[in-house]
């Protein structure tokens, strides 16, 4: 069982060093995001279809602006 002193010390650390807490939290979240993002299953199932949607939307927008474009894939 954790004591109240240990809990207060943890909260105090965050209050006394908010910049360090932010940088460490941000770095951990970036590492987790990129571990997920570069996983082969994510690349195959989500990234390729997402890029295809971006290409279709970009091609459609360029066609609306008068540029004759074609999208393959």
Protein backbone atom coordinates (compact mmCIF):
# COMPACT_ATOMS: atom_id res chain seq x y z
CA UNK A 1 0.00 0.00 0.00
CA UNK A 2 1.40 3.37 -0.95
CA UNK A 3 1.65 5.97 1.70
CA UNK A 4 0.26 9.47 1.44
CA UNK A 5 3.82 10.80 1.58
CA UNK A 6 4.77 8.87 -1.58
CA UNK A 7 1.69 10.14 -3.44
CA UNK A 8 2.39 13.73 -2.38
CA UNK A 9 6.01 13.39 -3.48
CA UNK A 10 4.88 12.26 -6.95
CA UNK A 11 2.42 15.13 -7.28
CA UNK A 12 5.06 17.55 -6.00
CA UNK A 13 7.52 16.37 -8.65
CA UNK A 14 5.04 17.24 -11.40
CA UNK A 15 4.30 20.61 -9.84
CA UNK A 16 7.94 21.52 -9.26
CA UNK A 17 9.24 20.44 -12.69
CA UNK A 18 6.41 20.87 -15.21
CA UNK A 19 8.71 21.32 -18.21
CA UNK A 20 10.59 18.09 -17.54
CA UNK A 21 7.29 16.29 -16.99
CA UNK A 22 5.96 17.63 -20.30
CA UNK A 23 9.09 16.71 -22.27
CA UNK A 24 9.26 13.19 -20.84
CA UNK A 25 5.53 12.61 -21.38
CA UNK A 26 5.74 13.94 -24.93
CA UNK A 27 8.75 11.74 -25.74
CA UNK A 28 7.00 8.63 -24.38
CA UNK A 29 3.86 9.36 -26.41
CA UNK A 30 5.93 9.93 -29.57
CA UNK A 31 7.74 6.63 -29.10
CA UNK A 32 4.44 4.79 -28.62
CA UNK A 33 2.91 6.50 -31.65
CA UNK A 34 5.79 5.63 -33.96
CA UNK A 35 5.93 2.05 -32.69
CA UNK A 36 2.28 1.77 -33.71
CA UNK A 37 2.67 3.79 -36.93
CA UNK A 38 5.58 1.78 -38.33
CA UNK A 39 4.12 -1.62 -37.45
CA UNK A 40 3.77 -3.70 -40.65
CA UNK A 41 0.08 -4.42 -40.03
CA UNK A 42 -0.70 -0.70 -39.77
CA UNK A 43 1.32 0.04 -42.90
CA UNK A 44 -0.60 -2.56 -44.91
CA UNK A 45 -4.11 -2.04 -43.55
CA UNK A 46 -4.30 1.71 -42.95
CA UNK A 47 -1.44 3.64 -44.53
CA UNK A 48 -1.83 2.44 -48.13
CA UNK A 49 -5.61 3.04 -48.30
CA UNK A 50 -5.18 6.40 -46.57
CA UNK A 51 -2.60 7.52 -49.13
CA UNK A 52 -4.95 6.41 -51.92
CA UNK A 53 -7.75 8.55 -50.45
CA UNK A 54 -5.38 11.53 -50.23
CA UNK A 55 -4.42 11.01 -53.87
CA UNK A 56 -8.06 10.85 -54.98
CA UNK A 57 -8.96 13.99 -53.04
CA UNK A 58 -5.92 15.88 -54.31
CA UNK A 59 -6.58 14.80 -57.90
CA UNK A 60 -10.23 15.86 -57.64
CA UNK A 61 -9.27 19.25 -56.20
CA UNK A 62 -6.70 19.83 -58.93
CA UNK A 63 -9.28 18.89 -61.57
CA UNK A 64 -11.68 21.44 -60.08
CA UNK A 65 -8.98 24.08 -60.39
CA UNK A 66 -8.54 23.31 -64.08
CA UNK A 67 -5.50 21.06 -64.03
CA UNK A 68 -6.03 17.81 -65.89
CA UNK A 69 -4.78 15.14 -63.53
CA UNK A 70 -5.19 11.42 -63.26
CA UNK A 71 -4.88 9.21 -60.19
CA UNK A 72 -3.57 5.67 -60.46
CA UNK A 73 -3.72 3.24 -57.58
